[in-house]
PDB file of N, CA and C in Angstrom:
ATOM      1  N   MET A   1     -14.854   7.510 -36.320  1.00  0.00           N
ATOM      2  CA  MET A   1     -14.527   7.735 -35.412  1.00  0.00           C
ATOM      3  C   MET A   1     -13.404   6.452 -34.631  1.00  0.00           C
ATOM      4  N   THR A   2     -12.367   6.740 -33.896  1.00  0.00           N
ATOM      5  CA  THR A   2     -11.936   5.594 -32.572  1.00  0.00           C
ATOM      6  C   THR A   2     -12.143   5.797 -31.916  1.00  0.00           C
ATOM      7  N   ILE A   3     -12.390   4.915 -31.039  1.00  0.00           N
ATOM      8  CA  ILE A   3     -12.147   5.175 -29.394  1.00  0.00           C
ATOM      9  C   ILE A   3     -11.209   4.752 -29.144  1.00  0.00           C
ATOM     10  N   PHE A   4     -10.133   4.910 -27.780  1.00  0.00           N
ATOM     11  CA  PHE A   4      -9.292   4.513 -27.597  1.00  0.00           C
ATOM     12  C   PHE A   4      -9.674   3.939 -26.140  1.00  0.00           C
ATOM     13  N   LYS A   5      -9.332   2.941 -25.380  1.00  0.00           N
ATOM     14  CA  LYS A   5      -9.039   2.483 -24.091  1.00  0.00           C
ATOM     15  C   LYS A   5      -8.093   2.419 -23.550  1.00  0.00           C
ATOM     16  N   GLU A   6      -7.969   3.483 -22.590  1.00  0.00           N
ATOM     17  CA  GLU A   6      -6.404   3.705 -21.680  1.00  0.00           C
ATOM     18  C   GLU A   6      -6.518   2.701 -21.065  1.00  0.00           C
ATOM     19  N   LYS A   7      -5.227   2.101 -20.775  1.00  0.00           N
ATOM     20  CA  LYS A   7      -4.649   0.753 -19.669  1.00  0.00           C
ATOM     21  C   LYS A   7      -4.460   2.049 -18.195  1.00  0.00           C
ATOM     22  N   LEU A   8      -5.646   1.253 -17.894  1.00  0.00           N
ATOM     23  CA  LEU A   8      -4.955   1.726 -15.912  1.00  0.00           C
ATOM     24  C   LEU A   8      -4.342   1.102 -15.449  1.00  0.00           C
ATOM     25  N   ASP A   9      -4.158  -0.314 -15.476  1.00  0.00           N
ATOM     26  CA  ASP A   9      -3.043  -0.990 -14.529  1.00  0.00           C
ATOM     27  C   ASP A   9      -2.915  -2.201 -15.304  1.00  0.00           C
ATOM     28  N   GLU A  10      -1.797  -2.821 -14.708  1.00  0.00           N
ATOM     29  CA  GLU A  10      -1.329  -4.179 -15.629  1.00  0.00           C
ATOM     30  C   GLU A  10      -0.330  -4.802 -14.850  1.00  0.00           C
ATOM     31  N   GLU A  11      -0.730  -6.133 -13.899  1.00  0.00           N
ATOM     32  CA  GLU A  11      -0.121  -7.022 -13.279  1.00  0.00           C
ATOM     33  C   GLU A  11       0.355  -8.143 -13.673  1.00  0.00           C
ATOM     34  N   TYR A  12       1.310  -8.452 -13.726  1.00  0.00           N
ATOM     35  CA  TYR A  12       1.663  -9.941 -14.334  1.00  0.00           C
ATOM     36  C   TYR A  12       1.316 -11.085 -13.258  1.00  0.00           C
ATOM     37  N   LEU A  13       1.120 -11.788 -13.465  1.00  0.00           N
ATOM     38  CA  LEU A  13       0.526 -13.377 -12.431  1.00  0.00           C
ATOM     39  C   LEU A  13       0.548 -14.708 -13.190  1.00  0.00           C
ATOM     40  N   THR A  14       1.461 -15.321 -12.307  1.00  0.00           N
ATOM     41  CA  THR A  14       1.885 -16.904 -12.674  1.00  0.00           C
ATOM     42  C   THR A  14       0.209 -17.472 -12.728  1.00  0.00           C
ATOM     43  N   ALA A  15       0.399 -18.692 -13.418  1.00  0.00           N
ATOM     44  CA  ALA A  15      -0.645 -19.574 -13.929  1.00  0.00           C
ATOM     45  C   ALA A  15      -1.598 -20.127 -12.094  1.00  0.00           C
ATOM     46  N   ALA A  16      -0.453 -20.080 -11.239  1.00  0.00           N
ATOM     47  CA  ALA A  16      -0.871 -20.917  -9.815  1.00  0.00           C
ATOM     48  C   ALA A  16      -1.477 -19.428  -9.286  1.00  0.00           C
ATOM     49  N   GLU A  17      -1.202 -18.231  -9.416  1.00  0.00           N
ATOM     50  CA  GLU A  17      -2.099 -16.790  -8.603  1.00  0.00           C
ATOM     51  C   GLU A  17      -3.419 -17.081  -9.847  1.00  0.00           C
ATOM     52  N   VAL A  18      -3.121 -16.883 -11.079  1.00  0.00           N
ATOM     53  CA  VAL A  18      -4.569 -17.265 -11.590  1.00  0.00           C
ATOM     54  C   VAL A  18      -5.557 -18.228 -11.307  1.00  0.00           C
ATOM     55  N   LYS A  19      -5.024 -19.464 -10.940  1.00  0.00           N
ATOM     56  CA  LYS A  19      -5.638 -20.773 -10.346  1.00  0.00           C
ATOM     57  C   LYS A  19      -6.462 -20.131  -8.941  1.00  0.00           C
ATOM     58  N   GLU A  20      -5.738 -19.736  -8.403  1.00  0.00           N
ATOM     59  CA  GLU A  20      -5.945 -19.442  -7.074  1.00  0.00           C
ATOM     60  C   GLU A  20      -7.282 -18.225  -7.029  1.00  0.00           C
ATOM     61  N   GLU A  21      -7.195 -17.307  -7.963  1.00  0.00           N
ATOM     62  CA  GLU A  21      -8.156 -16.206  -7.845  1.00  0.00           C
ATOM     63  C   GLU A  21      -9.458 -17.100  -9.235  1.00  0.00           C
ATOM     64  N   LEU A  22      -9.109 -17.695  -9.900  1.00  0.00           N
ATOM     65  CA  LEU A  22     -10.488 -18.486 -10.629  1.00  0.00           C
ATOM     66  C   LEU A  22     -11.178 -19.479  -9.295  1.00  0.00           C
ATOM     67  N   GLN A  23     -10.497 -20.021  -8.605  1.00  0.00           N
ATOM     68  CA  GLN A  23     -11.061 -20.858  -7.907  1.00  0.00           C
ATOM     69  C   GLN A  23     -12.016 -19.860  -6.782  1.00  0.00           C
ATOM     70  N   SER A  24     -11.577 -19.137  -6.387  1.00  0.00           N
ATOM     71  CA  SER A  24     -12.655 -18.208  -5.647  1.00  0.00           C
ATOM     72  C   SER A  24     -13.655 -17.953  -6.646  1.00  0.00           C
ATOM     73  N   VAL A  25     -14.037 -17.649  -7.978  1.00  0.00           N
ATOM     74  CA  VAL A  25     -14.647 -17.127  -8.708  1.00  0.00           C
ATOM     75  C   VAL A  25     -15.559 -18.433  -8.789  1.00  0.00           C
ATOM     76  N   GLU A  26     -15.085 -19.161  -9.223  1.00  0.00           N
ATOM     77  CA  GLU A  26     -15.974 -20.794  -9.287  1.00  0.00           C
ATOM     78  C   GLU A  26     -16.331 -21.044  -7.892  1.00  0.00           C
ATOM     79  N   GLU A  27     -15.828 -20.805  -6.653  1.00  0.00           N
ATOM     80  CA  GLU A  27     -17.114 -21.248  -5.560  1.00  0.00           C
ATOM     81  C   GLU A  27     -17.907 -20.327  -5.372  1.00  0.00           C
ATOM     82  N   GLU A  28     -17.665 -19.000  -5.807  1.00  0.00           N
ATOM     83  CA  GLU A  28     -18.739 -18.166  -5.932  1.00  0.00           C
ATOM     84  C   GLU A  28     -20.028 -18.569  -6.989  1.00  0.00           C
ATOM     85  N   ARG A  29     -19.724 -18.650  -8.144  1.00  0.00           N
ATOM     86  CA  ARG A  29     -20.647 -18.800  -8.685  1.00  0.00           C
ATOM     87  C   ARG A  29     -21.145 -20.448  -8.059  1.00  0.00           C
ATOM     88  N   ALA A  30     -20.898 -21.191  -7.884  1.00  0.00           N
ATOM     89  CA  ALA A  30     -21.591 -22.690  -7.158  1.00  0.00           C
ATOM     90  C   ALA A  30     -22.015 -22.292  -6.153  1.00  0.00           C
ATOM     91  N   ALA A  31     -21.786 -20.869  -4.899  1.00  0.00           N
ATOM     92  CA  ALA A  31     -23.151 -20.837  -4.013  1.00  0.00           C
ATOM     93  C   ALA A  31     -24.255 -20.230  -4.458  1.00  0.00           C
ATOM     94  N   ASP A  32     -23.998 -19.570  -5.896  1.00  0.00           N
ATOM     95  CA  ASP A  32     -25.425 -19.320  -6.338  1.00  0.00           C
ATOM     96  C   ASP A  32     -26.007 -19.906  -7.558  1.00  0.00           C
ATOM     97  N   GLU A  33     -26.927 -20.477  -7.331  1.00  0.00           N
ATOM     98  CA  GLU A  33     -27.548 -21.692  -8.172  1.00  0.00           C
ATOM     99  C   GLU A  33     -27.902 -21.159  -9.692  1.00  0.00           C
ATOM    100  N   GLU A  34     -28.450 -19.949  -9.308  1.00  0.00           N
ATOM    101  CA  GLU A  34     -28.759 -19.058 -10.835  1.00  0.00           C
ATOM    102  C   GLU A  34     -27.698 -18.806 -11.550  1.00  0.00           C
ATOM    103  N   ARG A  35     -26.619 -18.747 -11.339  1.00  0.00           N
ATOM    104  CA  ARG A  35     -25.581 -18.130 -12.188  1.00  0.00           C
ATOM    105  C   ARG A  35     -24.533 -19.424 -12.372  1.00  0.00           C
ATOM    106  N   GLU A  36     -24.245 -19.177 -14.038  1.00  0.00           N
ATOM    107  CA  GLU A  36     -23.669 -20.378 -14.296  1.00  0.00           C
ATOM    108  C   GLU A  36     -22.671 -20.354 -14.758  1.00  0.00           C
ATOM    109  N   LEU A  37     -21.330 -20.926 -14.925  1.00  0.00           N
ATOM    110  CA  LEU A  37     -20.286 -20.622 -15.157  1.00  0.00           C
ATOM    111  C   LEU A  37     -20.067 -20.807 -16.893  1.00  0.00           C
ATOM    112  N   ARG A  38     -20.012 -19.329 -17.440  1.00  0.00           N
ATOM    113  CA  ARG A  38     -19.606 -19.497 -18.527  1.00  0.00           C
ATOM    114  C   ARG A  38     -18.328 -20.284 -19.506  1.00  0.00           C
ATOM    115  N   TYR A  39     -18.603 -20.569 -20.747  1.00  0.00           N
ATOM    116  CA  TYR A  39     -18.184 -21.502 -21.342  1.00  0.00           C
ATOM    117  C   TYR A  39     -16.463 -20.871 -21.222  1.00  0.00           C
ATOM    118  N   GLU A  40     -15.851 -19.811 -21.296  1.00  0.00           N
ATOM    119  CA  GLU A  40     -14.869 -19.278 -21.607  1.00  0.00           C
ATOM    120  C   GLU A  40     -13.736 -19.454 -20.003  1.00  0.00           C
ATOM    121  N   LEU A  41     -15.075 -18.815 -19.035  1.00  0.00           N
ATOM    122  CA  LEU A  41     -14.578 -19.470 -17.544  1.00  0.00           C
ATOM    123  C   LEU A  41     -14.028 -20.810 -17.100  1.00  0.00           C
ATOM    124  N   ALA A  42     -15.004 -21.472 -17.458  1.00  0.00           N
ATOM    125  CA  ALA A  42     -14.825 -23.059 -17.558  1.00  0.00           C
ATOM    126  C   ALA A  42     -13.459 -23.611 -18.128  1.00  0.00           C
ATOM    127  N   ARG A  43     -13.134 -23.322 -18.960  1.00  0.00           N
ATOM    128  CA  ARG A  43     -11.830 -23.240 -19.937  1.00  0.00           C
ATOM    129  C   ARG A  43     -10.994 -22.776 -19.245  1.00  0.00           C
ATOM    130  N   ALA A  44     -10.918 -21.476 -18.989  1.00  0.00           N
ATOM    131  CA  ALA A  44      -9.788 -21.553 -18.363  1.00  0.00           C
ATOM    132  C   ALA A  44      -9.296 -21.962 -17.095  1.00  0.00           C
ATOM    133  N   ILE A  45     -10.612 -21.937 -16.499  1.00  0.00           N
ATOM    134  CA  ILE A  45     -10.139 -22.979 -15.187  1.00  0.00           C
ATOM    135  C   ILE A  45      -9.755 -24.661 -15.120  1.00  0.00           C
ATOM    136  N   GLU A  46     -10.145 -25.078 -16.272  1.00  0.00           N
ATOM    137  CA  GLU A  46      -9.857 -26.381 -16.910  1.00  0.00           C
ATOM    138  C   GLU A  46      -8.003 -25.660 -17.268  1.00  0.00           C
ATOM    139  N   HIS A  47      -7.530 -24.725 -18.195  1.00  0.00           N
ATOM    140  CA  HIS A  47      -6.312 -24.835 -18.669  1.00  0.00           C
ATOM    141  C   HIS A  47      -5.571 -24.840 -17.066  1.00  0.00           C
ATOM    142  N   VAL A  48      -5.416 -23.307 -16.218  1.00  0.00           N
ATOM    143  CA  VAL A  48      -4.489 -23.272 -15.020  1.00  0.00           C
ATOM    144  C   VAL A  48      -4.837 -24.644 -14.103  1.00  0.00           C
ATOM    145  N   ASN A  49      -5.954 -25.568 -14.043  1.00  0.00           N
ATOM    146  CA  ASN A  49      -5.775 -26.781 -13.356  1.00  0.00           C
ATOM    147  C   ASN A  49      -4.966 -27.663 -14.136  1.00  0.00           C
ATOM    148  N   ARG A  50      -4.719 -28.000 -15.280  1.00  0.00           N
ATOM    149  CA  ARG A  50      -3.640 -28.809 -15.699  1.00  0.00           C
ATOM    150  C   ARG A  50      -2.404 -27.791 -15.781  1.00  0.00           C
ATOM    151  N   PHE A  51      -2.349 -26.528 -15.978  1.00  0.00           N
ATOM    152  CA  PHE A  51      -0.520 -26.218 -16.175  1.00  0.00           C
ATOM    153  C   PHE A  51       0.149 -25.409 -15.155  1.00  0.00           C
ATOM    154  N   ALA A  52      -0.716 -25.256 -13.930  1.00  0.00           N
ATOM    155  CA  ALA A  52      -0.513 -24.876 -12.879  1.00  0.00           C
ATOM    156  C   ALA A  52       0.235 -25.592 -11.977  1.00  0.00           C
ATOM    157  N   LEU A  53       1.989 -26.112 -11.841  1.00  0.00           N
ATOM    158  CA  LEU A  53       2.576 -26.877 -11.119  1.00  0.00           C
ATOM    159  C   LEU A  53       2.959 -26.456  -9.934  1.00  0.00           C
ATOM    160  N   LEU A  54       2.927 -25.426  -9.433  1.00  0.00           N
ATOM    161  CA  LEU A  54       3.035 -24.708  -8.139  1.00  0.00           C
ATOM    162  C   LEU A  54       1.655 -24.079  -7.563  1.00  0.00           C
ATOM    163  N   ASP A  55       1.285 -24.507  -6.349  1.00  0.00           N
ATOM    164  CA  ASP A  55       0.928 -23.249  -5.557  1.00  0.00           C
ATOM    165  C   ASP A  55       1.203 -21.948  -5.519  1.00  0.00           C
ATOM    166  N   ALA A  56       0.230 -20.607  -5.233  1.00  0.00           N
ATOM    167  CA  ALA A  56       0.605 -19.429  -5.651  1.00  0.00           C
ATOM    168  C   ALA A  56       1.378 -19.074  -4.711  1.00  0.00           C
ATOM    169  N   GLU A  57       1.722 -19.558  -3.468  1.00  0.00           N
ATOM    170  CA  GLU A  57       2.627 -18.595  -2.932  1.00  0.00           C
ATOM    171  C   GLU A  57       4.029 -19.490  -3.346  1.00  0.00           C
ATOM    172  N   GLU A  58       4.387 -20.839  -3.797  1.00  0.00           N
ATOM    173  CA  GLU A  58       5.657 -20.569  -3.988  1.00  0.00           C
ATOM    174  C   GLU A  58       5.877 -20.287  -5.421  1.00  0.00           C
ATOM    175  N   SER A  59       4.918 -20.260  -6.383  1.00  0.00           N
ATOM    176  CA  SER A  59       5.416 -19.425  -7.307  1.00  0.00           C
ATOM    177  C   SER A  59       5.863 -17.996  -7.466  1.00  0.00           C
ATOM    178  N   ARG A  60       4.718 -17.054  -6.319  1.00  0.00           N
ATOM    179  CA  ARG A  60       4.978 -15.750  -6.111  1.00  0.00           C
ATOM    180  C   ARG A  60       6.934 -15.509  -5.544  1.00  0.00           C
ATOM    181  N   GLU A  61       7.337 -16.493  -4.806  1.00  0.00           N
ATOM    182  CA  GLU A  61       8.367 -16.886  -4.055  1.00  0.00           C
ATOM    183  C   GLU A  61       9.405 -17.340  -5.144  1.00  0.00           C
ATOM    184  N   LEU A  62       9.126 -17.933  -6.258  1.00  0.00           N
ATOM    185  CA  LEU A  62      10.339 -18.179  -7.164  1.00  0.00           C
ATOM    186  C   LEU A  62      10.721 -16.932  -8.325  1.00  0.00           C
ATOM    187  N   VAL A  63       9.242 -16.134  -8.659  1.00  0.00           N
ATOM    188  CA  VAL A  63       9.240 -14.802  -8.951  1.00  0.00           C
ATOM    189  C   VAL A  63      10.445 -14.654  -8.867  1.00  0.00           C
ATOM    190  N   GLU A  64      10.044 -14.158  -7.326  1.00  0.00           N
ATOM    191  CA  GLU A  64      11.014 -12.983  -6.402  1.00  0.00           C
ATOM    192  C   GLU A  64      12.369 -13.550  -6.515  1.00  0.00           C
ATOM    193  N   ARG A  65      12.779 -14.825  -6.743  1.00  0.00           N
ATOM    194  CA  ARG A  65      13.991 -15.264  -6.166  1.00  0.00           C
ATOM    195  C   ARG A  65      14.597 -15.216  -7.831  1.00  0.00           C
ATOM    196  N   LEU A  66      13.806 -15.029  -8.524  1.00  0.00           N
ATOM    197  CA  LEU A  66      14.294 -15.013 -10.229  1.00  0.00           C
ATOM    198  C   LEU A  66      14.395 -13.666 -10.431  1.00  0.00           C
ATOM    199  N   GLN A  67      13.607 -12.631 -10.224  1.00  0.00           N
ATOM    200  CA  GLN A  67      14.058 -11.016 -10.377  1.00  0.00           C
ATOM    201  C   GLN A  67      15.243 -10.946  -9.363  1.00  0.00           C
ATOM    202  N   GLU A  68      15.714 -11.432  -8.584  1.00  0.00           N
ATOM    203  CA  GLU A  68      16.955 -11.100  -7.847  1.00  0.00           C
ATOM    204  C   GLU A  68      18.135 -11.565  -8.887  1.00  0.00           C
ATOM    205  N   LEU A  69      17.998 -12.603 -10.056  1.00  0.00           N
ATOM    206  CA  LEU A  69      18.987 -12.563 -10.931  1.00  0.00           C
ATOM    207  C   LEU A  69      19.587 -11.445 -11.815  1.00  0.00           C
ATOM    208  N   GLU A  70      20.616 -11.284 -12.290  1.00  0.00           N
ATOM    209  CA  GLU A  70      20.791  -9.780 -12.960  1.00  0.00           C
ATOM    210  C   GLU A  70      19.966  -9.941 -14.403  1.00  0.00           C
ATOM    211  N   LYS A  71      19.984 -10.661 -15.272  1.00  0.00           N
ATOM    212  CA  LYS A  71      18.902 -10.985 -16.504  1.00  0.00           C
ATOM    213  C   LYS A  71      17.557 -11.230 -16.419  1.00  0.00           C
ATOM    214  N   VAL A  72      17.383 -11.401 -15.423  1.00  0.00           N
ATOM    215  CA  VAL A  72      15.766 -11.853 -15.584  1.00  0.00           C
ATOM    216  C   VAL A  72      14.871 -10.574 -14.989  1.00  0.00           C
ATOM    217  N   ASP A  73      13.947  -9.997 -15.855  1.00  0.00           N
ATOM    218  CA  ASP A  73      12.978  -8.941 -15.579  1.00  0.00           C
ATOM    219  C   ASP A  73      11.632  -9.645 -15.386  1.00  0.00           C
ATOM    220  N   GLU A  74      10.496  -8.853 -14.711  1.00  0.00           N
ATOM    221  CA  GLU A  74       9.321  -9.131 -14.452  1.00  0.00           C
ATOM    222  C   GLU A  74       8.923 -10.341 -14.887  1.00  0.00           C
ATOM    223  N   ALA A  75       8.520  -9.770 -16.309  1.00  0.00           N
ATOM    224  CA  ALA A  75       7.920 -10.903 -17.361  1.00  0.00           C
ATOM    225  C   ALA A  75       8.240 -12.070 -17.773  1.00  0.00           C
ATOM    226  N   THR A  76       9.879 -11.767 -17.640  1.00  0.00           N
ATOM    227  CA  THR A  76      10.439 -13.150 -17.860  1.00  0.00           C
ATOM    228  C   THR A  76      10.326 -14.221 -16.655  1.00  0.00           C
ATOM    229  N   ALA A  77      10.507 -13.637 -15.616  1.00  0.00           N
ATOM    230  CA  ALA A  77      10.350 -14.551 -14.292  1.00  0.00           C
ATOM    231  C   ALA A  77       8.740 -15.419 -14.109  1.00  0.00           C
ATOM    232  N   HIS A  78       8.457 -14.322 -15.170  1.00  0.00           N
ATOM    233  CA  HIS A  78       6.692 -14.841 -14.418  1.00  0.00           C
ATOM    234  C   HIS A  78       6.769 -16.494 -15.747  1.00  0.00           C
ATOM    235  N   LYS A  79       7.005 -15.757 -16.794  1.00  0.00           N
ATOM    236  CA  LYS A  79       7.055 -16.890 -17.717  1.00  0.00           C
ATOM    237  C   LYS A  79       7.981 -17.909 -17.238  1.00  0.00           C
ATOM    238  N   ILE A  80       9.270 -17.913 -16.768  1.00  0.00           N
ATOM    239  CA  ILE A  80       9.842 -19.223 -16.309  1.00  0.00           C
ATOM    240  C   ILE A  80       9.021 -19.690 -15.113  1.00  0.00           C
ATOM    241  N   ALA A  81       8.647 -19.068 -14.531  1.00  0.00           N
ATOM    242  CA  ALA A  81       7.930 -19.586 -13.375  1.00  0.00           C
ATOM    243  C   ALA A  81       6.725 -20.756 -13.617  1.00  0.00           C
ATOM    244  N   ASP A  82       6.019 -19.952 -15.026  1.00  0.00           N
ATOM    245  CA  ASP A  82       4.884 -20.670 -15.618  1.00  0.00           C
ATOM    246  C   ASP A  82       5.684 -22.076 -16.300  1.00  0.00           C
ATOM    247  N   LEU A  83       6.477 -22.004 -16.915  1.00  0.00           N
ATOM    248  CA  LEU A  83       6.975 -22.809 -17.508  1.00  0.00           C
ATOM    249  C   LEU A  83       7.956 -24.003 -17.053  1.00  0.00           C
ATOM    250  N   LEU A  84       8.822 -23.683 -15.843  1.00  0.00           N
ATOM    251  CA  LEU A  84       9.503 -24.359 -15.367  1.00  0.00           C
ATOM    252  C   LEU A  84      10.320 -25.137 -15.859  1.00  0.00           C
ATOM    253  N   PRO A  85      11.287 -24.188 -16.865  1.00  0.00           N
ATOM    254  CA  PRO A  85      12.244 -25.026 -17.783  1.00  0.00           C
ATOM    255  C   PRO A  85      12.917 -26.089 -17.064  1.00  0.00           C
ATOM    256  N   ARG A  86      13.496 -27.353 -17.479  1.00  0.00           N
ATOM    257  CA  ARG A  86      14.288 -28.343 -16.765  1.00  0.00           C
ATOM    258  C   ARG A  86      15.647 -28.220 -17.599  1.00  0.00           C
ATOM    259  N   ASP A  87      16.288 -28.152 -18.739  1.00  0.00           N
ATOM    260  CA  ASP A  87      17.494 -27.717 -19.212  1.00  0.00           C
ATOM    261  C   ASP A  87      17.526 -26.619 -19.557  1.00  0.00           C
ATOM    262  N   ARG A  88      18.690 -26.482 -20.423  1.00  0.00           N
ATOM    263  CA  ARG A  88      18.842 -25.177 -21.075  1.00  0.00           C
ATOM    264  C   ARG A  88      18.610 -24.296 -22.109  1.00  0.00           C
ATOM    265  N   ASP A  89      18.151 -25.697 -23.080  1.00  0.00           N
ATOM    266  CA  ASP A  89      17.659 -25.144 -24.189  1.00  0.00           C
ATOM    267  C   ASP A  89      15.812 -24.768 -23.912  1.00  0.00           C
ATOM    268  N   GLU A  90      15.202 -25.694 -22.783  1.00  0.00           N
ATOM    269  CA  GLU A  90      14.184 -24.963 -22.526  1.00  0.00           C
ATOM    270  C   GLU A  90      14.050 -23.359 -22.051  1.00  0.00           C
ATOM    271  N   LEU A  91      14.811 -23.020 -21.608  1.00  0.00           N
ATOM    272  CA  LEU A  91      14.803 -21.898 -21.021  1.00  0.00           C
ATOM    273  C   LEU A  91      15.821 -21.190 -21.854  1.00  0.00           C
ATOM    274  N   ARG A  92      16.225 -21.562 -23.047  1.00  0.00           N
ATOM    275  CA  ARG A  92      16.982 -20.508 -23.992  1.00  0.00           C
ATOM    276  C   ARG A  92      15.434 -20.176 -25.191  1.00  0.00           C
ATOM    277  N   THR A  93      14.634 -20.874 -24.850  1.00  0.00           N
ATOM    278  CA  THR A  93      13.306 -20.660 -25.495  1.00  0.00           C
ATOM    279  C   THR A  93      12.757 -19.506 -24.812  1.00  0.00           C
ATOM    280  N   VAL A  94      12.727 -19.052 -23.973  1.00  0.00           N
ATOM    281  CA  VAL A  94      11.724 -18.174 -22.906  1.00  0.00           C
ATOM    282  C   VAL A  94      12.994 -16.768 -23.219  1.00  0.00           C
ATOM    283  N   TYR A  95      13.855 -16.936 -23.765  1.00  0.00           N
ATOM    284  CA  TYR A  95      15.007 -15.656 -24.173  1.00  0.00           C
ATOM    285  C   TYR A  95      15.137 -15.571 -25.782  1.00  0.00           C
ATOM    286  N   ALA A  96      14.285 -16.049 -26.323  1.00  0.00           N
ATOM    287  CA  ALA A  96      14.337 -16.440 -27.680  1.00  0.00           C
ATOM    288  C   ALA A  96      14.022 -15.081 -28.578  1.00  0.00           C
ATOM    289  N   GLN A  97      13.115 -14.008 -27.866  1.00  0.00           N
ATOM    290  CA  GLN A  97      12.692 -12.915 -28.335  1.00  0.00           C
ATOM    291  C   GLN A  97      13.732 -11.624 -27.838  1.00  0.00           C
ATOM    292  N   GLU A  98      14.648 -11.934 -27.014  1.00  0.00           N
ATOM    293  CA  GLU A  98      15.175 -10.923 -26.827  1.00  0.00           C
ATOM    294  C   GLU A  98      16.383 -10.954 -27.604  1.00  0.00           C
ATOM    295  N   ARG A  99      16.657  -9.402 -27.171  1.00  0.00           N
ATOM    296  CA  ARG A  99      18.061  -8.846 -28.129  1.00  0.00           C
ATOM    297  C   ARG A  99      19.430  -9.700 -27.572  1.00  0.00           C
ATOM    298  N   TYR A 100      19.450 -10.189 -26.694  1.00  0.00           N
ATOM    299  CA  TYR A 100      20.985 -10.815 -25.828  1.00  0.00           C
ATOM    300  C   TYR A 100      20.505 -12.079 -25.608  1.00  0.00           C
ATOM    301  N   SER A 101      21.602 -13.160 -25.625  1.00  0.00           N
ATOM    302  CA  SER A 101      21.220 -14.516 -24.883  1.00  0.00           C
ATOM    303  C   SER A 101      22.538 -14.580 -23.754  1.00  0.00           C
ATOM    304  N   LEU A 102      22.079 -15.617 -22.974  1.00  0.00           N
ATOM    305  CA  LEU A 102      22.580 -15.916 -21.885  1.00  0.00           C
ATOM    306  C   LEU A 102      23.879 -16.692 -22.088  1.00  0.00           C
ATOM    307  N   SER A 103      24.850 -16.667 -21.094  1.00  0.00           N
ATOM    308  CA  SER A 103      26.156 -17.572 -21.027  1.00  0.00           C
ATOM    309  C   SER A 103      25.627 -18.799 -20.185  1.00  0.00           C
ATOM    310  N   GLY A 104      26.316 -19.649 -20.251  1.00  0.00           N
ATOM    311  CA  GLY A 104      25.889 -20.963 -19.764  1.00  0.00           C
ATOM    312  C   GLY A 104      26.108 -20.959 -18.370  1.00  0.00           C
ATOM    313  N   GLU A 105      26.596 -20.058 -17.885  1.00  0.00           N
ATOM    314  CA  GLU A 105      26.947 -19.948 -16.435  1.00  0.00           C
ATOM    315  C   GLU A 105      25.545 -19.114 -15.849  1.00  0.00           C
ATOM    316  N   GLU A 106      25.240 -18.464 -16.795  1.00  0.00           N
ATOM    317  CA  GLU A 106      23.540 -17.626 -16.611  1.00  0.00           C
ATOM    318  C   GLU A 106      22.608 -18.151 -16.123  1.00  0.00           C
ATOM    319  N   LEU A 107      22.396 -18.971 -17.636  1.00  0.00           N
ATOM    320  CA  LEU A 107      21.031 -20.289 -17.904  1.00  0.00           C
ATOM    321  C   LEU A 107      21.147 -21.180 -16.356  1.00  0.00           C
ATOM    322  N   ASP A 108      22.161 -21.270 -15.914  1.00  0.00           N
ATOM    323  CA  ASP A 108      22.891 -22.735 -15.169  1.00  0.00           C
ATOM    324  C   ASP A 108      22.324 -22.089 -13.898  1.00  0.00           C
ATOM    325  N   GLU A 109      22.600 -20.962 -13.901  1.00  0.00           N
ATOM    326  CA  GLU A 109      22.137 -20.010 -12.094  1.00  0.00           C
ATOM    327  C   GLU A 109      20.512 -20.023 -11.991  1.00  0.00           C
ATOM    328  N   ILE A 110      20.008 -19.735 -13.354  1.00  0.00           N
ATOM    329  CA  ILE A 110      18.473 -19.827 -13.747  1.00  0.00           C
ATOM    330  C   ILE A 110      18.100 -21.157 -13.447  1.00  0.00           C
ATOM    331  N   LEU A 111      18.429 -22.006 -14.011  1.00  0.00           N
ATOM    332  CA  LEU A 111      17.640 -23.701 -13.767  1.00  0.00           C
ATOM    333  C   LEU A 111      18.003 -23.868 -12.265  1.00  0.00           C
ATOM    334  N   ASN A 112      19.326 -23.594 -11.610  1.00  0.00           N
ATOM    335  CA  ASN A 112      19.655 -24.282 -10.066  1.00  0.00           C
ATOM    336  C   ASN A 112      18.403 -23.524  -9.181  1.00  0.00           C
ATOM    337  N   VAL A 113      17.788 -22.237  -9.724  1.00  0.00           N
ATOM    338  CA  VAL A 113      17.073 -21.782  -8.521  1.00  0.00           C
ATOM    339  C   VAL A 113      15.421 -22.437  -9.154  1.00  0.00           C
ATOM    340  N   VAL A 114      15.222 -22.693 -10.261  1.00  0.00           N
ATOM    341  CA  VAL A 114      14.032 -23.466 -10.865  1.00  0.00           C
ATOM    342  C   VAL A 114      13.986 -25.218 -10.079  1.00  0.00           C
ATOM    343  N   ALA A 115      14.999 -25.301 -10.078  1.00  0.00           N
ATOM    344  CA  ALA A 115      14.737 -26.924  -9.866  1.00  0.00           C
ATOM    345  C   ALA A 115      14.875 -26.658  -8.276  1.00  0.00           C
ATOM    346  N   GLU A 116      14.909 -25.864  -7.757  1.00  0.00           N
ATOM    347  CA  GLU A 116      14.076 -26.023  -6.217  1.00  0.00           C
ATOM    348  C   GLU A 116      12.933 -26.059  -6.210  1.00  0.00           C
ATOM    349  N   TYR A 117      12.116 -25.497  -7.292  1.00  0.00           N
ATOM    350  CA  TYR A 117      10.944 -25.331  -6.884  1.00  0.00           C
ATOM    351  C   TYR A 117      10.050 -26.397  -7.950  1.00  0.00           C
ATOM    352  N   ALA A 118      10.760 -27.237  -8.543  1.00  0.00           N
ATOM    353  CA  ALA A 118      10.305 -28.047  -9.453  1.00  0.00           C
ATOM    354  C   ALA A 118      10.007 -29.908  -8.926  1.00  0.00           C
TER     355      ALA A 118
END
C-alpha cells in the first residue's frame, strides 16, 4: 500500500526571507530553556546567516522587480535574488536548465536590476 501526501500549498522564499523566519524560531527556542535547537535547525540558521546577503525586504523588492522582466518567472527570480549573479556567465548558469537562452540584452537587463541591490 502506498501512502500519498497531498501538497496543500507552495511558496517560494529567498534565503533572506528564510533567515528572518528562522531568527524568530531561534528567539522562541532561546526564551524557553527546556527546548534545544536541533542540529538540523542550527545548521539551517548557520547556512542562511552565511549566504543571505540582502535583508528580507530588499530581497522581496528585488524578486518583484525581476518578475516584471519578460523571461523571469517566480522561481527564477528567487534563484537570482539568492545568488546575486555579477556577470553573464553566472546568470547563464541560472538559466542552464531552461529550454531557451537569453540574448545579451536580456542578460544585461537582469544584471542591471541585480546590480542595484548587490
